[in-house]
Protein backbone atom coordinates (compact mmCIF):
# COMPACT_ATOMS: atom_id res chain seq x y z
CA UNK A 1 5.15 -21.73 -5.94
CA UNK A 2 4.66 -20.95 -2.23
CA UNK A 3 8.22 -19.64 -2.08
CA UNK A 4 7.55 -17.30 -4.99
CA UNK A 5 4.36 -15.99 -3.36
CA UNK A 6 6.17 -15.60 -0.05
CA UNK A 7 9.05 -13.77 -1.73
CA UNK A 8 6.58 -11.46 -3.47
CA UNK A 9 4.89 -10.58 -0.17
CA UNK A 10 8.27 -9.92 1.46
CA UNK A 11 9.31 -7.69 -1.42
CA UNK A 12 6.05 -5.75 -1.26
CA UNK A 13 6.36 -5.37 2.52
CA UNK A 14 9.90 -4.05 2.17
CA UNK A 15 8.79 -1.55 -0.49
CA UNK A 16 5.98 -0.47 1.83
CA UNK A 17 8.41 0.24 4.69
CA UNK A 18 11.18 1.78 2.59
CA UNK A 19 9.45 4.71 0.99
CA UNK A 20 10.87 8.21 0.60
CA UNK A 21 9.08 9.73 3.57
CA UNK A 22 8.61 8.55 7.12
CA UNK A 23 4.89 9.29 6.99
CA UNK A 24 4.35 6.90 4.10
CA UNK A 25 6.65 4.31 5.71
CA UNK A 26 4.33 4.29 8.70
CA UNK A 27 1.08 4.33 6.73
CA UNK A 28 1.97 1.76 4.08
CA UNK A 29 4.33 -0.31 6.21
CA UNK A 30 1.76 -0.71 8.96
CA UNK A 31 -0.91 -1.61 6.43
CA UNK A 32 1.38 -4.15 4.76
CA UNK A 33 2.30 -5.79 8.06
CA UNK A 34 -1.34 -6.25 8.99
CA UNK A 35 -3.07 -6.91 5.67
CA UNK A 36 -0.87 -8.08 2.80
CA UNK A 37 -1.74 -11.72 3.45
CA UNK A 38 -5.46 -10.90 3.28
CA UNK A 39 -5.39 -9.19 -0.12
CA UNK A 40 -6.62 -10.97 -3.24
CA UNK A 41 -4.30 -11.41 -6.21
CA UNK A 42 -5.95 -8.46 -7.93
CA UNK A 43 -5.61 -6.28 -4.85
CA UNK A 44 -1.94 -7.24 -4.48
CA UNK A 45 -1.27 -6.27 -8.09
CA UNK A 46 -3.08 -2.99 -7.59
CA UNK A 47 -1.14 -2.38 -4.36
CA UNK A 48 2.11 -2.94 -6.27
CA UNK A 49 0.93 -0.33 -8.79
CA UNK A 50 0.12 2.01 -5.91
CA UNK A 51 3.67 1.62 -4.60
CA UNK A 52 4.94 3.06 -7.89
CA UNK A 53 3.23 6.38 -7.16
CA UNK A 54 5.10 9.32 -5.65
CA UNK A 55 5.01 9.62 -1.86
CA UNK A 56 3.62 13.16 -1.94
CA UNK A 57 0.67 12.02 -4.05
CA UNK A 58 0.12 9.00 -1.80
CA UNK A 59 0.20 11.16 1.31
CA UNK A 60 -2.26 13.63 -0.21
CA UNK A 61 -4.63 10.76 -1.07
CA UNK A 62 -4.25 9.10 2.34
CA UNK A 63 -4.82 12.36 4.20
CA UNK A 64 -7.76 13.37 2.02
CA UNK A 65 -6.01 16.51 0.77
CA UNK A 66 -6.64 15.52 -2.83
CA UNK A 67 -8.99 13.08 -4.46
CA UNK A 68 -7.67 9.57 -4.91
CA UNK A 69 -7.72 8.35 -8.52
CA UNK A 70 -10.70 6.08 -9.05
CA UNK A 71 -8.57 3.01 -9.76
CA UNK A 72 -6.99 3.24 -6.29
CA UNK A 73 -10.06 4.44 -4.37
CA UNK A 74 -11.14 1.15 -2.76
CA UNK A 75 -7.59 0.22 -1.86
CA UNK A 76 -6.89 3.66 -0.38
CA UNK A 77 -10.13 3.36 1.63
CA UNK A 78 -8.76 0.11 3.10
CA UNK A 79 -5.45 1.76 3.88
CA UNK A 80 -7.17 4.72 5.55
CA UNK A 81 -9.47 2.52 7.62
CA UNK A 82 -6.43 0.56 8.81
CA UNK A 83 -4.96 3.77 10.18
CA UNK A 84 -7.84 4.42 12.59
């Protein structure tokens, strides 16, 4: 079981660093490196859903250009606060 959880975290970290844009690599990759191990199971699942979104949308949410969908709001707040 620990191996499966570890493999999941590694897969999520890789997906965080290998986005389509360098900006999102840095934002999500840095967040993943520092905080993936601290996220609850529910937050990890939500983060995996977030990784399915398009980089342009993610960047707009992270930069505050557009409003983050309510389901991702708390998680995006964590990601933004990590960046400061």
